[in-house]
Amino acid sequence: MRRMLAALSTAALAAAMLVATAQPASASDCSHPHPFLDGTGGFVTGSNVNMRTGPHYPPGVSCTILNVLQYGWAAQYYCYTVGDSYAGWSTWTWVYVPAVGRAGWVNDALLNGNGSWSYCGG
């Protein structure tokens, strides 16, 4: 009886962990490592630039828009990764923008100097 209860408890725990860790595909696609490797900075070179939770936008997975950035706003560069292509650029930089007090991914075509030169890894 004890073995059966132990087996049932183990199975229930494993099922609960599976449910707790499962994420929608789009949420996991938007999660990329972004360590502070670069430390340089620049500014936003476009108007109404979307800062996103990940380096993806339509037609594929669309990561959530965190803020809309404006031309000339300062940005601190952390590192870059590869994502969806925009205006011929498929690299995206994780930036901190003091004007909005927030960090997120911005396509390098929309950043001064084409964003970070330090690869995030992963």
PDB file of N, CA and C in Angstrom:
ATOM      1  N   MET A   1       0.821  -1.186   0.000  1.00  0.00           N
ATOM      2  CA  MET A   1       0.000   0.000   0.000  1.00  0.00           C
ATOM      3  C   MET A   1       0.875   1.265   0.000  1.00  0.00           C
ATOM      4  N   ARG A   2       1.944   1.245   0.810  1.00  0.00           N
ATOM      5  CA  ARG A   2       2.826   2.416   0.877  1.00  0.00           C
ATOM      6  C   ARG A   2       3.505   2.670  -0.468  1.00  0.00           C
ATOM      7  N   ARG A   3       3.933   1.603  -1.127  1.00  0.00           N
ATOM      8  CA  ARG A   3       4.583   1.750  -2.427  1.00  0.00           C
ATOM      9  C   ARG A   3       3.615   2.337  -3.446  1.00  0.00           C
ATOM     10  N   MET A   4       2.373   1.898  -3.405  1.00  0.00           N
ATOM     11  CA  MET A   4       1.378   2.412  -4.343  1.00  0.00           C
ATOM     12  C   MET A   4       1.117   3.897  -4.090  1.00  0.00           C
ATOM     13  N   LEU A   5       1.007   4.291  -2.828  1.00  0.00           N
ATOM     14  CA  LEU A   5       0.809   5.713  -2.497  1.00  0.00           C
ATOM     15  C   LEU A   5       2.024   6.539  -2.904  1.00  0.00           C
ATOM     16  N   ALA A   6       3.209   5.988  -2.671  1.00  0.00           N
ATOM     17  CA  ALA A   6       4.431   6.698  -3.062  1.00  0.00           C
ATOM     18  C   ALA A   6       4.491   6.869  -4.570  1.00  0.00           C
ATOM     19  N   ALA A   7       4.132   5.816  -5.318  1.00  0.00           N
ATOM     20  CA  ALA A   7       4.144   5.898  -6.784  1.00  0.00           C
ATOM     21  C   ALA A   7       3.123   6.908  -7.278  1.00  0.00           C
ATOM     22  N   LEU A   8       1.932   6.915  -6.683  1.00  0.00           N
ATOM     23  CA  LEU A   8       0.905   7.885  -7.070  1.00  0.00           C
ATOM     24  C   LEU A   8       1.345   9.306  -6.740  1.00  0.00           C
ATOM     25  N   SER A   9       1.968   9.504  -5.594  1.00  0.00           N
ATOM     26  CA  SER A   9       2.451  10.837  -5.206  1.00  0.00           C
ATOM     27  C   SER A   9       3.522  11.323  -6.162  1.00  0.00           C
ATOM     28  N   THR A  10       4.434  10.420  -6.533  1.00  0.00           N
ATOM     29  CA  THR A  10       5.501  10.775  -7.468  1.00  0.00           C
ATOM     30  C   THR A  10       4.925  11.145  -8.829  1.00  0.00           C
ATOM     31  N   ALA A  11       3.961  10.369  -9.301  1.00  0.00           N
ATOM     32  CA  ALA A  11       3.327  10.649 -10.592  1.00  0.00           C
ATOM     33  C   ALA A  11       2.586  11.979 -10.563  1.00  0.00           C
ATOM     34  N   ALA A  12       1.879  12.255  -9.474  1.00  0.00           N
ATOM     35  CA  ALA A  12       1.145  13.524  -9.345  1.00  0.00           C
ATOM     36  C   ALA A  12       2.103  14.701  -9.312  1.00  0.00           C
ATOM     37  N   LEU A  13       3.217  14.555  -8.596  1.00  0.00           N
ATOM     38  CA  LEU A  13       4.215  15.623  -8.514  1.00  0.00           C
ATOM     39  C   LEU A  13       4.836  15.890  -9.884  1.00  0.00           C
ATOM     40  N   ALA A  14       5.172  14.819 -10.614  1.00  0.00           N
ATOM     41  CA  ALA A  14       5.750  14.987 -11.955  1.00  0.00           C
ATOM     42  C   ALA A  14       4.772  15.675 -12.894  1.00  0.00           C
ATOM     43  N   ALA A  15       3.497  15.309 -12.829  1.00  0.00           N
ATOM     44  CA  ALA A  15       2.482  15.944 -13.673  1.00  0.00           C
ATOM     45  C   ALA A  15       2.327  17.409 -13.320  1.00  0.00           C
ATOM     46  N   ALA A  16       2.350  17.742 -12.044  1.00  0.00           N
ATOM     47  CA  ALA A  16       2.227  19.134 -11.610  1.00  0.00           C
ATOM     48  C   ALA A  16       3.419  19.955 -12.078  1.00  0.00           C
ATOM     49  N   MET A  17       4.625  19.376 -12.033  1.00  0.00           N
ATOM     50  CA  MET A  17       5.801  20.100 -12.491  1.00  0.00           C
ATOM     51  C   MET A  17       5.737  20.337 -13.990  1.00  0.00           C
ATOM     52  N   LEU A  18       5.257  19.363 -14.746  1.00  0.00           N
ATOM     53  CA  LEU A  18       5.131  19.511 -16.187  1.00  0.00           C
ATOM     54  C   LEU A  18       4.171  20.630 -16.537  1.00  0.00           C
ATOM     55  N   VAL A  19       3.034  20.692 -15.860  1.00  0.00           N
ATOM     56  CA  VAL A  19       2.049  21.746 -16.101  1.00  0.00           C
ATOM     57  C   VAL A  19       2.611  23.103 -15.705  1.00  0.00           C
ATOM     58  N   ALA A  20       3.317  23.158 -14.589  1.00  0.00           N
ATOM     59  CA  ALA A  20       3.846  24.428 -14.085  1.00  0.00           C
ATOM     60  C   ALA A  20       4.938  24.998 -14.985  1.00  0.00           C
ATOM     61  N   THR A  21       5.708  24.126 -15.666  1.00  0.00           N
ATOM     62  CA  THR A  21       6.814  24.636 -16.472  1.00  0.00           C
ATOM     63  C   THR A  21       6.470  24.792 -17.944  1.00  0.00           C
ATOM     64  N   ALA A  22       5.333  24.293 -18.377  1.00  0.00           N
ATOM     65  CA  ALA A  22       4.959  24.415 -19.782  1.00  0.00           C
ATOM     66  C   ALA A  22       4.636  25.859 -20.117  1.00  0.00           C
ATOM     67  N   GLN A  23       5.134  26.344 -21.250  1.00  0.00           N
ATOM     68  CA  GLN A  23       4.883  27.708 -21.702  1.00  0.00           C
ATOM     69  C   GLN A  23       4.418  27.659 -23.141  1.00  0.00           C
ATOM     70  N   PRO A  24       3.633  28.644 -23.539  1.00  0.00           N
ATOM     71  CA  PRO A  24       3.277  28.709 -24.962  1.00  0.00           C
ATOM     72  C   PRO A  24       4.541  28.906 -25.795  1.00  0.00           C
ATOM     73  N   ALA A  25       4.532  28.399 -26.998  1.00  0.00           N
ATOM     74  CA  ALA A  25       5.711  28.493 -27.867  1.00  0.00           C
ATOM     75  C   ALA A  25       6.137  29.935 -28.081  1.00  0.00           C
ATOM     76  N   SER A  26       5.183  30.834 -28.241  1.00  0.00           N
ATOM     77  CA  SER A  26       5.543  32.225 -28.504  1.00  0.00           C
ATOM     78  C   SER A  26       6.262  32.858 -27.320  1.00  0.00           C
ATOM     79  N   ALA A  27       5.885  32.498 -26.104  1.00  0.00           N
ATOM     80  CA  ALA A  27       6.545  33.062 -24.925  1.00  0.00           C
ATOM     81  C   ALA A  27       7.996  32.602 -24.851  1.00  0.00           C
ATOM     82  N   SER A  28       8.248  31.321 -25.123  1.00  0.00           N
ATOM     83  CA  SER A  28       9.619  30.821 -25.050  1.00  0.00           C
ATOM     84  C   SER A  28      10.451  31.360 -26.216  1.00  0.00           C
ATOM     85  N   ASP A  29       9.849  31.590 -27.385  1.00  0.00           N
ATOM     86  CA  ASP A  29      10.573  32.149 -28.515  1.00  0.00           C
ATOM     87  C   ASP A  29      11.031  33.577 -28.239  1.00  0.00           C
ATOM     88  N   CYS A  30      10.343  34.271 -27.369  1.00  0.00           N
ATOM     89  CA  CYS A  30      10.685  35.662 -27.069  1.00  0.00           C
ATOM     90  C   CYS A  30      11.724  35.786 -25.958  1.00  0.00           C
ATOM     91  N   SER A  31      12.079  34.688 -25.329  1.00  0.00           N
ATOM     92  CA  SER A  31      13.040  34.713 -24.237  1.00  0.00           C
ATOM     93  C   SER A  31      14.439  34.426 -24.770  1.00  0.00           C
ATOM     94  N   HIS A  32      15.329  35.400 -24.648  1.00  0.00           N
ATOM     95  CA  HIS A  32      16.717  35.253 -25.090  1.00  0.00           C
ATOM     96  C   HIS A  32      17.626  35.789 -23.997  1.00  0.00           C
ATOM     97  N   PRO A  33      18.796  35.183 -23.789  1.00  0.00           N
ATOM     98  CA  PRO A  33      19.720  35.715 -22.791  1.00  0.00           C
ATOM     99  C   PRO A  33      20.211  37.101 -23.211  1.00  0.00           C
ATOM    100  N   HIS A  34      20.461  37.950 -22.245  1.00  0.00           N
ATOM    101  CA  HIS A  34      20.938  39.306 -22.560  1.00  0.00           C
ATOM    102  C   HIS A  34      21.865  39.831 -21.469  1.00  0.00           C
ATOM    103  N   PRO A  35      23.037  39.190 -21.312  1.00  0.00           N
ATOM    104  CA  PRO A  35      23.982  39.654 -20.292  1.00  0.00           C
ATOM    105  C   PRO A  35      24.568  41.016 -20.661  1.00  0.00           C
ATOM    106  N   PHE A  36      25.016  41.737 -19.647  1.00  0.00           N
ATOM    107  CA  PHE A  36      25.630  43.047 -19.862  1.00  0.00           C
ATOM    108  C   PHE A  36      27.076  42.823 -20.303  1.00  0.00           C
ATOM    109  N   LEU A  37      27.304  42.786 -21.619  1.00  0.00           N
ATOM    110  CA  LEU A  37      28.631  42.511 -22.170  1.00  0.00           C
ATOM    111  C   LEU A  37      29.257  43.718 -22.837  1.00  0.00           C
ATOM    112  N   ASP A  38      28.440  44.592 -23.384  1.00  0.00           N
ATOM    113  CA  ASP A  38      28.933  45.671 -24.233  1.00  0.00           C
ATOM    114  C   ASP A  38      29.285  46.914 -23.416  1.00  0.00           C
ATOM    115  N   GLY A  39      28.300  47.577 -22.863  1.00  0.00           N
ATOM    116  CA  GLY A  39      28.542  48.781 -22.076  1.00  0.00           C
ATOM    117  C   GLY A  39      28.656  50.053 -22.888  1.00  0.00           C
ATOM    118  N   THR A  40      28.601  49.943 -24.223  1.00  0.00           N
ATOM    119  CA  THR A  40      28.615  51.158 -25.031  1.00  0.00           C
ATOM    120  C   THR A  40      27.183  51.653 -25.174  1.00  0.00           C
ATOM    121  N   GLY A  41      27.026  52.725 -25.861  1.00  0.00           N
ATOM    122  CA  GLY A  41      25.691  53.256 -26.047  1.00  0.00           C
ATOM    123  C   GLY A  41      25.566  53.993 -27.354  1.00  0.00           C
ATOM    124  N   GLY A  42      24.378  54.419 -27.609  1.00  0.00           N
ATOM    125  CA  GLY A  42      24.083  55.157 -28.813  1.00  0.00           C
ATOM    126  C   GLY A  42      22.724  55.795 -28.654  1.00  0.00           C
ATOM    127  N   PHE A  43      21.989  55.857 -29.755  1.00  0.00           N
ATOM    128  CA  PHE A  43      20.655  56.444 -29.694  1.00  0.00           C
ATOM    129  C   PHE A  43      19.757  55.801 -30.735  1.00  0.00           C
ATOM    130  N   VAL A  44      18.470  56.001 -30.563  1.00  0.00           N
ATOM    131  CA  VAL A  44      17.463  55.476 -31.479  1.00  0.00           C
ATOM    132  C   VAL A  44      17.495  56.319 -32.747  1.00  0.00           C
ATOM    133  N   THR A  45      17.530  55.669 -33.914  1.00  0.00           N
ATOM    134  CA  THR A  45      17.628  56.399 -35.180  1.00  0.00           C
ATOM    135  C   THR A  45      16.336  56.392 -35.980  1.00  0.00           C
ATOM    136  N   GLY A  46      15.286  55.848 -35.433  1.00  0.00           N
ATOM    137  CA  GLY A  46      13.991  55.849 -36.104  1.00  0.00           C
ATOM    138  C   GLY A  46      12.949  56.518 -35.229  1.00  0.00           C
ATOM    139  N   SER A  47      11.778  56.750 -35.779  1.00  0.00           N
ATOM    140  CA  SER A  47      10.658  57.304 -35.012  1.00  0.00           C
ATOM    141  C   SER A  47       9.628  56.204 -34.784  1.00  0.00           C
ATOM    142  N   ASN A  48       8.997  56.236 -33.624  1.00  0.00           N
ATOM    143  CA  ASN A  48       7.988  55.234 -33.258  1.00  0.00           C
ATOM    144  C   ASN A  48       8.545  53.819 -33.376  1.00  0.00           C
ATOM    145  N   VAL A  49       9.707  53.600 -32.768  1.00  0.00           N
ATOM    146  CA  VAL A  49      10.412  52.316 -32.805  1.00  0.00           C
ATOM    147  C   VAL A  49       9.892  51.430 -31.676  1.00  0.00           C
ATOM    148  N   ASN A  50       9.515  50.204 -32.025  1.00  0.00           N
ATOM    149  CA  ASN A  50       9.013  49.272 -31.019  1.00  0.00           C
ATOM    150  C   ASN A  50      10.152  48.593 -30.275  1.00  0.00           C
ATOM    151  N   MET A  51      10.115  48.702 -28.940  1.00  0.00           N
ATOM    152  CA  MET A  51      10.990  47.930 -28.065  1.00  0.00           C
ATOM    153  C   MET A  51      10.188  46.693 -27.672  1.00  0.00           C
ATOM    154  N   ARG A  52      10.764  45.496 -27.885  1.00  0.00           N
ATOM    155  CA  ARG A  52      10.018  44.245 -27.697  1.00  0.00           C
ATOM    156  C   ARG A  52      10.639  43.339 -26.631  1.00  0.00           C
ATOM    157  N   THR A  53       9.842  42.344 -26.218  1.00  0.00           N
ATOM    158  CA  THR A  53      10.317  41.346 -25.254  1.00  0.00           C
ATOM    159  C   THR A  53      11.270  40.347 -25.900  1.00  0.00           C
ATOM    160  N   GLY A  54      11.297  40.285 -27.216  1.00  0.00           N
ATOM    161  CA  GLY A  54      12.177  39.378 -27.946  1.00  0.00           C
ATOM    162  C   GLY A  54      12.430  39.904 -29.338  1.00  0.00           C
ATOM    163  N   PRO A  55      13.394  39.318 -30.045  1.00  0.00           N
ATOM    164  CA  PRO A  55      13.779  39.813 -31.371  1.00  0.00           C
ATOM    165  C   PRO A  55      12.914  39.269 -32.505  1.00  0.00           C
ATOM    166  N   HIS A  56      11.609  39.291 -32.323  1.00  0.00           N
ATOM    167  CA  HIS A  56      10.699  38.761 -33.335  1.00  0.00           C
ATOM    168  C   HIS A  56       9.494  39.695 -33.513  1.00  0.00           C
ATOM    169  N   TYR A  57       9.044  39.812 -34.735  1.00  0.00           N
ATOM    170  CA  TYR A  57       7.839  40.575 -35.058  1.00  0.00           C
ATOM    171  C   TYR A  57       7.181  39.891 -36.250  1.00  0.00           C
ATOM    172  N   PRO A  58       5.963  40.276 -36.612  1.00  0.00           N
ATOM    173  CA  PRO A  58       5.281  39.596 -37.734  1.00  0.00           C
ATOM    174  C   PRO A  58       6.183  39.575 -38.969  1.00  0.00           C
ATOM    175  N   PRO A  59       6.067  38.545 -39.792  1.00  0.00           N
ATOM    176  CA  PRO A  59       4.997  37.570 -39.921  1.00  0.00           C
ATOM    177  C   PRO A  59       5.172  36.324 -39.064  1.00  0.00           C
ATOM    178  N   GLY A  60       6.307  36.155 -38.370  1.00  0.00           N
ATOM    179  CA  GLY A  60       6.504  34.980 -37.527  1.00  0.00           C
ATOM    180  C   GLY A  60       5.906  35.201 -36.149  1.00  0.00           C
ATOM    181  N   VAL A  61       6.619  34.764 -35.144  1.00  0.00           N
ATOM    182  CA  VAL A  61       6.206  34.991 -33.761  1.00  0.00           C
ATOM    183  C   VAL A  61       6.356  36.478 -33.482  1.00  0.00           C
ATOM    184  N   SER A  62       5.345  37.074 -32.914  1.00  0.00           N
ATOM    185  CA  SER A  62       5.419  38.495 -32.587  1.00  0.00           C
ATOM    186  C   SER A  62       5.578  38.660 -31.081  1.00  0.00           C
ATOM    187  N   CYS A  63       6.727  39.174 -30.671  1.00  0.00           N
ATOM    188  CA  CYS A  63       6.972  39.404 -29.253  1.00  0.00           C
ATOM    189  C   CYS A  63       6.312  40.704 -28.819  1.00  0.00           C
ATOM    190  N   THR A  64       5.899  40.736 -27.581  1.00  0.00           N
ATOM    191  CA  THR A  64       5.152  41.864 -27.021  1.00  0.00           C
ATOM    192  C   THR A  64       5.928  43.179 -27.130  1.00  0.00           C
ATOM    193  N   ILE A  65       5.234  44.234 -27.483  1.00  0.00           N
ATOM    194  CA  ILE A  65       5.815  45.574 -27.516  1.00  0.00           C
ATOM    195  C   ILE A  65       5.809  46.132 -26.097  1.00  0.00           C
ATOM    196  N   LEU A  66       6.987  46.533 -25.607  1.00  0.00           N
ATOM    197  CA  LEU A  66       7.120  47.079 -24.256  1.00  0.00           C
ATOM    198  C   LEU A  66       6.947  48.590 -24.231  1.00  0.00           C
ATOM    199  N   ASN A  67       7.504  49.263 -25.217  1.00  0.00           N
ATOM    200  CA  ASN A  67       7.446  50.720 -25.328  1.00  0.00           C
ATOM    201  C   ASN A  67       7.640  51.119 -26.783  1.00  0.00           C
ATOM    202  N   VAL A  68       7.258  52.335 -27.101  1.00  0.00           N
ATOM    203  CA  VAL A  68       7.509  52.914 -28.420  1.00  0.00           C
ATOM    204  C   VAL A  68       8.534  54.021 -28.213  1.00  0.00           C
ATOM    205  N   LEU A  69       9.680  53.891 -28.880  1.00  0.00           N
ATOM    206  CA  LEU A  69      10.806  54.806 -28.698  1.00  0.00           C
ATOM    207  C   LEU A  69      10.836  55.851 -29.802  1.00  0.00           C
ATOM    208  N   GLN A  70      11.465  56.980 -29.498  1.00  0.00           N
ATOM    209  CA  GLN A  70      11.525  58.086 -30.449  1.00  0.00           C
ATOM    210  C   GLN A  70      12.957  58.400 -30.857  1.00  0.00           C
ATOM    211  N   TYR A  71      13.081  59.024 -32.018  1.00  0.00           N
ATOM    212  CA  TYR A  71      14.372  59.409 -32.569  1.00  0.00           C
ATOM    213  C   TYR A  71      15.177  60.230 -31.557  1.00  0.00           C
ATOM    214  N   GLY A  72      16.448  59.859 -31.419  1.00  0.00           N
ATOM    215  CA  GLY A  72      17.362  60.621 -30.581  1.00  0.00           C
ATOM    216  C   GLY A  72      17.438  60.172 -29.131  1.00  0.00           C
ATOM    217  N   TRP A  73      16.526  59.305 -28.692  1.00  0.00           N
ATOM    218  CA  TRP A  73      16.577  58.844 -27.306  1.00  0.00           C
ATOM    219  C   TRP A  73      17.835  58.006 -27.092  1.00  0.00           C
ATOM    220  N   ALA A  74      18.521  58.265 -25.982  1.00  0.00           N
ATOM    221  CA  ALA A  74      19.731  57.523 -25.635  1.00  0.00           C
ATOM    222  C   ALA A  74      19.403  56.066 -25.329  1.00  0.00           C
ATOM    223  N   ALA A  75      20.354  55.175 -25.655  1.00  0.00           N
ATOM    224  CA  ALA A  75      20.191  53.746 -25.393  1.00  0.00           C
ATOM    225  C   ALA A  75      21.529  53.162 -24.962  1.00  0.00           C
ATOM    226  N   GLN A  76      21.525  52.410 -23.862  1.00  0.00           N
ATOM    227  CA  GLN A  76      22.723  51.700 -23.424  1.00  0.00           C
ATOM    228  C   GLN A  76      22.657  50.282 -23.987  1.00  0.00           C
ATOM    229  N   TYR A  77      23.718  49.864 -24.682  1.00  0.00           N
ATOM    230  CA  TYR A  77      23.747  48.563 -25.344  1.00  0.00           C
ATOM    231  C   TYR A  77      24.309  47.494 -24.409  1.00  0.00           C
ATOM    232  N   TYR A  78      23.607  46.361 -24.335  1.00  0.00           N
ATOM    233  CA  TYR A  78      24.061  45.220 -23.534  1.00  0.00           C
ATOM    234  C   TYR A  78      24.754  44.178 -24.409  1.00  0.00           C
ATOM    235  N   CYS A  79      24.034  43.682 -25.441  1.00  0.00           N
ATOM    236  CA  CYS A  79      24.555  42.669 -26.350  1.00  0.00           C
ATOM    237  C   CYS A  79      23.543  42.480 -27.473  1.00  0.00           C
ATOM    238  N   TYR A  80      23.939  41.714 -28.508  1.00  0.00           N
ATOM    239  CA  TYR A  80      23.015  41.478 -29.629  1.00  0.00           C
ATOM    240  C   TYR A  80      22.764  39.988 -29.820  1.00  0.00           C
ATOM    241  N   THR A  81      21.667  39.679 -30.503  1.00  0.00           N
ATOM    242  CA  THR A  81      21.342  38.311 -30.900  1.00  0.00           C
ATOM    243  C   THR A  81      20.731  38.355 -32.300  1.00  0.00           C
ATOM    244  N   VAL A  82      20.460  37.193 -32.852  1.00  0.00           N
ATOM    245  CA  VAL A  82      19.867  37.109 -34.183  1.00  0.00           C
ATOM    246  C   VAL A  82      18.378  36.812 -34.041  1.00  0.00           C
ATOM    247  N   GLY A  83      17.579  37.522 -34.821  1.00  0.00           N
ATOM    248  CA  GLY A  83      16.132  37.341 -34.796  1.00  0.00           C
ATOM    249  C   GLY A  83      15.554  37.555 -36.179  1.00  0.00           C
ATOM    250  N   ASP A  84      14.316  38.017 -36.222  1.00  0.00           N
ATOM    251  CA  ASP A  84      13.658  38.279 -37.500  1.00  0.00           C
ATOM    252  C   ASP A  84      14.297  39.467 -38.199  1.00  0.00           C
ATOM    253  N   SER A  85      14.356  39.403 -39.517  1.00  0.00           N
ATOM    254  CA  SER A  85      14.940  40.473 -40.315  1.00  0.00           C
ATOM    255  C   SER A  85      13.975  41.654 -40.436  1.00  0.00           C
ATOM    256  N   TYR A  86      14.530  42.856 -40.288  1.00  0.00           N
ATOM    257  CA  TYR A  86      13.773  44.090 -40.482  1.00  0.00           C
ATOM    258  C   TYR A  86      14.686  45.049 -41.238  1.00  0.00           C
ATOM    259  N   ALA A  87      14.213  45.595 -42.326  1.00  0.00           N
ATOM    260  CA  ALA A  87      14.983  46.546 -43.137  1.00  0.00           C
ATOM    261  C   ALA A  87      16.363  45.987 -43.487  1.00  0.00           C
ATOM    262  N   GLY A  88      16.431  44.675 -43.718  1.00  0.00           N
ATOM    263  CA  GLY A  88      17.686  44.047 -44.099  1.00  0.00           C
ATOM    264  C   GLY A  88      18.588  43.644 -42.943  1.00  0.00           C
ATOM    265  N   TRP A  89      18.171  43.901 -41.704  1.00  0.00           N
ATOM    266  CA  TRP A  89      18.984  43.557 -40.532  1.00  0.00           C
ATOM    267  C   TRP A  89      18.291  42.469 -39.731  1.00  0.00           C
ATOM    268  N   SER A  90      19.028  41.393 -39.421  1.00  0.00           N
ATOM    269  CA  SER A  90      18.459  40.321 -38.610  1.00  0.00           C
ATOM    270  C   SER A  90      19.062  40.281 -37.215  1.00  0.00           C
ATOM    271  N   THR A  91      19.856  41.290 -36.865  1.00  0.00           N
ATOM    272  CA  THR A  91      20.399  41.357 -35.505  1.00  0.00           C
ATOM    273  C   THR A  91      19.608  42.362 -34.686  1.00  0.00           C
ATOM    274  N   TRP A  92      19.489  42.046 -33.395  1.00  0.00           N
ATOM    275  CA  TRP A  92      18.734  42.865 -32.444  1.00  0.00           C
ATOM    276  C   TRP A  92      19.598  43.075 -31.207  1.00  0.00           C
ATOM    277  N   THR A  93      19.531  44.264 -30.632  1.00  0.00           N
ATOM    278  CA  THR A  93      20.304  44.587 -29.433  1.00  0.00           C
ATOM    279  C   THR A  93      19.372  44.756 -28.237  1.00  0.00           C
ATOM    280  N   TRP A  94      19.816  44.186 -27.088  1.00  0.00           N
ATOM    281  CA  TRP A  94      19.123  44.428 -25.829  1.00  0.00           C
ATOM    282  C   TRP A  94      19.614  45.781 -25.337  1.00  0.00           C
ATOM    283  N   VAL A  95      18.694  46.715 -25.154  1.00  0.00           N
ATOM    284  CA  VAL A  95      19.047  48.080 -24.763  1.00  0.00           C
ATOM    285  C   VAL A  95      18.290  48.500 -23.508  1.00  0.00           C
ATOM    286  N   TYR A  96      18.913  49.405 -22.767  1.00  0.00           N
ATOM    287  CA  TYR A  96      18.223  50.102 -21.677  1.00  0.00           C
ATOM    288  C   TYR A  96      18.060  51.538 -22.144  1.00  0.00           C
ATOM    289  N   VAL A  97      16.821  52.042 -22.090  1.00  0.00           N
ATOM    290  CA  VAL A  97      16.522  53.405 -22.541  1.00  0.00           C
ATOM    291  C   VAL A  97      16.076  54.229 -21.327  1.00  0.00           C
ATOM    292  N   PRO A  98      16.938  55.143 -20.860  1.00  0.00           N
ATOM    293  CA  PRO A  98      16.610  55.932 -19.674  1.00  0.00           C
ATOM    294  C   PRO A  98      15.323  56.758 -19.802  1.00  0.00           C
ATOM    295  N   ALA A  99      14.993  57.207 -21.006  1.00  0.00           N
ATOM    296  CA  ALA A  99      13.799  58.041 -21.202  1.00  0.00           C
ATOM    297  C   ALA A  99      12.519  57.323 -20.773  1.00  0.00           C
ATOM    298  N   VAL A 100      12.513  55.992 -20.864  1.00  0.00           N
ATOM    299  CA  VAL A 100      11.336  55.217 -20.455  1.00  0.00           C
ATOM    300  C   VAL A 100      11.635  54.341 -19.243  1.00  0.00           C
ATOM    301  N   GLY A 101      12.903  54.302 -18.819  1.00  0.00           N
ATOM    302  CA  GLY A 101      13.275  53.503 -17.662  1.00  0.00           C
ATOM    303  C   GLY A 101      13.050  52.017 -17.854  1.00  0.00           C
ATOM    304  N   ARG A 102      13.276  51.544 -19.059  1.00  0.00           N
ATOM    305  CA  ARG A 102      12.966  50.152 -19.386  1.00  0.00           C
ATOM    306  C   ARG A 102      14.004  49.585 -20.348  1.00  0.00           C
ATOM    307  N   ALA A 103      14.115  48.251 -20.357  1.00  0.00           N
ATOM    308  CA  ALA A 103      15.017  47.561 -21.266  1.00  0.00           C
ATOM    309  C   ALA A 103      14.227  46.596 -22.142  1.00  0.00           C
ATOM    310  N   GLY A 104      14.757  46.337 -23.334  1.00  0.00           N
ATOM    311  CA  GLY A 104      14.120  45.400 -24.252  1.00  0.00           C
ATOM    312  C   GLY A 104      14.929  45.287 -25.531  1.00  0.00           C
ATOM    313  N   TRP A 105      14.389  44.529 -26.496  1.00  0.00           N
ATOM    314  CA  TRP A 105      15.060  44.287 -27.772  1.00  0.00           C
ATOM    315  C   TRP A 105      14.635  45.304 -28.826  1.00  0.00           C
ATOM    316  N   VAL A 106      15.622  45.825 -29.558  1.00  0.00           N
ATOM    317  CA  VAL A 106      15.384  46.752 -30.667  1.00  0.00           C
ATOM    318  C   VAL A 106      16.214  46.268 -31.855  1.00  0.00           C
ATOM    319  N   ASN A 107      15.617  46.277 -33.041  1.00  0.00           N
ATOM    320  CA  ASN A 107      16.340  45.869 -34.237  1.00  0.00           C
ATOM    321  C   ASN A 107      17.495  46.832 -34.488  1.00  0.00           C
ATOM    322  N   ASP A 108      18.653  46.275 -34.870  1.00  0.00           N
ATOM    323  CA  ASP A 108      19.859  47.085 -35.043  1.00  0.00           C
ATOM    324  C   ASP A 108      19.774  48.107 -36.166  1.00  0.00           C
ATOM    325  N   ALA A 109      18.870  47.922 -37.118  1.00  0.00           N
ATOM    326  CA  ALA A 109      18.693  48.916 -38.185  1.00  0.00           C
ATOM    327  C   ALA A 109      18.183  50.235 -37.616  1.00  0.00           C
ATOM    328  N   LEU A 110      17.652  50.202 -36.390  1.00  0.00           N
ATOM    329  CA  LEU A 110      17.039  51.381 -35.785  1.00  0.00           C
ATOM    330  C   LEU A 110      17.872  51.967 -34.649  1.00  0.00           C
ATOM    331  N   LEU A 111      19.153  51.531 -34.574  1.00  0.00           N
ATOM    332  CA  LEU A 111      20.052  52.027 -33.522  1.00  0.00           C
ATOM    333  C   LEU A 111      21.321  52.607 -34.135  1.00  0.00           C
ATOM    334  N   ASN A 112      21.815  53.667 -33.533  1.00  0.00           N
ATOM    335  CA  ASN A 112      23.059  54.306 -33.940  1.00  0.00           C
ATOM    336  C   ASN A 112      24.197  53.283 -33.907  1.00  0.00           C
ATOM    337  N   GLY A 113      25.015  53.265 -34.969  1.00  0.00           N
ATOM    338  CA  GLY A 113      26.116  52.322 -35.037  1.00  0.00           C
ATOM    339  C   GLY A 113      25.680  50.887 -35.240  1.00  0.00           C
ATOM    340  N   ASN A 114      24.394  50.708 -35.564  1.00  0.00           N
ATOM    341  CA  ASN A 114      23.809  49.377 -35.746  1.00  0.00           C
ATOM    342  C   ASN A 114      23.871  48.518 -34.496  1.00  0.00           C
ATOM    343  N   GLY A 115      23.705  49.155 -33.344  1.00  0.00           N
ATOM    344  CA  GLY A 115      23.581  48.425 -32.085  1.00  0.00           C
ATOM    345  C   GLY A 115      24.870  47.887 -31.528  1.00  0.00           C
ATOM    346  N   SER A 116      24.734  46.903 -30.643  1.00  0.00           N
ATOM    347  CA  SER A 116      25.880  46.306 -29.940  1.00  0.00           C
ATOM    348  C   SER A 116      26.742  45.484 -30.891  1.00  0.00           C
ATOM    349  N   TRP A 117      28.013  45.376 -30.541  1.00  0.00           N
ATOM    350  CA  TRP A 117      28.945  44.533 -31.267  1.00  0.00           C
ATOM    351  C   TRP A 117      29.344  43.312 -30.444  1.00  0.00           C
ATOM    352  N   SER A 118      28.707  43.129 -29.271  1.00  0.00           N
ATOM    353  CA  SER A 118      28.989  41.990 -28.396  1.00  0.00           C
ATOM    354  C   SER A 118      27.851  40.992 -28.488  1.00  0.00           C
ATOM    355  N   TYR A 119      28.150  39.754 -28.888  1.00  0.00           N
ATOM    356  CA  TYR A 119      27.141  38.710 -29.043  1.00  0.00           C
ATOM    357  C   TYR A 119      26.690  38.204 -27.672  1.00  0.00           C
ATOM    358  N   CYS A 120      25.380  38.080 -27.497  1.00  0.00           N
ATOM    359  CA  CYS A 120      24.805  37.643 -26.222  1.00  0.00           C
ATOM    360  C   CYS A 120      25.133  36.186 -25.902  1.00  0.00           C
ATOM    361  N   GLY A 121      25.336  35.375 -26.913  1.00  0.00           N
ATOM    362  CA  GLY A 121      25.567  33.942 -26.681  1.00  0.00           C
ATOM    363  C   GLY A 121      24.249  33.203 -26.558  1.00  0.00           C
ATOM    364  N   GLY A 122      24.346  31.957 -26.124  1.00  0.00           N
ATOM    365  CA  GLY A 122      23.148  31.174 -25.894  1.00  0.00           C
ATOM    366  C   GLY A 122      22.671  30.551 -27.112  1.00  0.00           C
TER     367      GLY A 122
END
